[in-house]
């Protein structure tokens, strides 16, 4: 992932918003990576 502190320091975004964006990105990536596995699990379980 990108260095978190640099992203916050060099942007004009307040730290609180930066944190929220950062965690939203992480959450989105997590969901994207989990999705295929959940599909496969669903297919195999049915």
C-alpha atoms as a PDB file:
ATOM      1  CA  UNK A   1       0.000   0.000   0.000  1.00  0.00           C
ATOM      2  CA  UNK A   2       0.955   3.635  -0.276  1.00  0.00           C
ATOM      3  CA  UNK A   3       2.731   5.238   2.690  1.00  0.00           C
ATOM      4  CA  UNK A   4      -0.042   6.522   4.906  1.00  0.00           C
ATOM      5  CA  UNK A   5       1.737   9.444   6.594  1.00  0.00           C
ATOM      6  CA  UNK A   6       2.990  10.930   3.333  1.00  0.00           C
ATOM      7  CA  UNK A   7      -0.473  10.761   1.828  1.00  0.00           C
ATOM      8  CA  UNK A   8      -1.867  12.737   4.740  1.00  0.00           C
ATOM      9  CA  UNK A   9       0.964  15.237   5.041  1.00  0.00           C
ATOM     10  CA  UNK A  10       1.126  16.263   1.405  1.00  0.00           C
ATOM     11  CA  UNK A  11      -2.604  16.510   0.845  1.00  0.00           C
ATOM     12  CA  UNK A  12      -4.781  19.433   1.877  1.00  0.00           C
ATOM     13  CA  UNK A  13      -7.272  16.973   3.348  1.00  0.00           C
ATOM     14  CA  UNK A  14      -7.808  17.115   7.124  1.00  0.00           C
ATOM     15  CA  UNK A  15      -6.357  14.145   8.967  1.00  0.00           C
ATOM     16  CA  UNK A  16      -9.779  12.848   9.990  1.00  0.00           C
ATOM     17  CA  UNK A  17     -10.953  12.783   6.376  1.00  0.00           C
ATOM     18  CA  UNK A  18      -7.664  11.242   5.323  1.00  0.00           C
ATOM     19  CA  UNK A  19      -8.118   8.437   7.830  1.00  0.00           C
ATOM     20  CA  UNK A  20     -11.647   7.829   6.618  1.00  0.00           C
ATOM     21  CA  UNK A  21     -10.517   7.714   2.980  1.00  0.00           C
ATOM     22  CA  UNK A  22      -7.623   5.422   3.875  1.00  0.00           C
ATOM     23  CA  UNK A  23      -9.838   2.935   5.700  1.00  0.00           C
ATOM     24  CA  UNK A  24     -12.483   3.112   2.983  1.00  0.00           C
ATOM     25  CA  UNK A  25      -9.824   2.181   0.429  1.00  0.00           C
ATOM     26  CA  UNK A  26      -8.615  -0.690   2.588  1.00  0.00           C
ATOM     27  CA  UNK A  27     -12.178  -1.892   3.103  1.00  0.00           C
ATOM     28  CA  UNK A  28     -12.895  -1.716  -0.627  1.00  0.00           C
ATOM     29  CA  UNK A  29      -9.746  -3.680  -1.457  1.00  0.00           C
ATOM     30  CA  UNK A  30     -10.679  -6.239   1.173  1.00  0.00           C
ATOM     31  CA  UNK A  31     -14.145  -6.696  -0.327  1.00  0.00           C
ATOM     32  CA  UNK A  32     -12.746  -6.963  -3.848  1.00  0.00           C
ATOM     33  CA  UNK A  33     -10.320  -9.688  -2.767  1.00  0.00           C
ATOM     34  CA  UNK A  34     -12.920 -11.546  -0.689  1.00  0.00           C
ATOM     35  CA  UNK A  35     -15.568 -11.531  -3.398  1.00  0.00           C
ATOM     36  CA  UNK A  36     -14.138 -14.310  -5.631  1.00  0.00           C
ATOM     37  CA  UNK A  37     -13.571 -16.561  -2.619  1.00  0.00           C
ATOM     38  CA  UNK A  38     -17.133 -16.061  -1.422  1.00  0.00           C
ATOM     39  CA  UNK A  39     -18.411 -16.837  -4.911  1.00  0.00           C
ATOM     40  CA  UNK A  40     -16.369 -20.029  -5.042  1.00  0.00           C
ATOM     41  CA  UNK A  41     -17.532 -21.037  -1.579  1.00  0.00           C
ATOM     42  CA  UNK A  42     -21.138 -20.413  -2.589  1.00  0.00           C
ATOM     43  CA  UNK A  43     -20.736 -22.453  -5.767  1.00  0.00           C
ATOM     44  CA  UNK A  44     -19.124 -25.365  -3.940  1.00  0.00           C
ATOM     45  CA  UNK A  45     -21.617 -25.358  -1.085  1.00  0.00           C
ATOM     46  CA  UNK A  46     -24.686 -25.423  -3.326  1.00  0.00           C
END
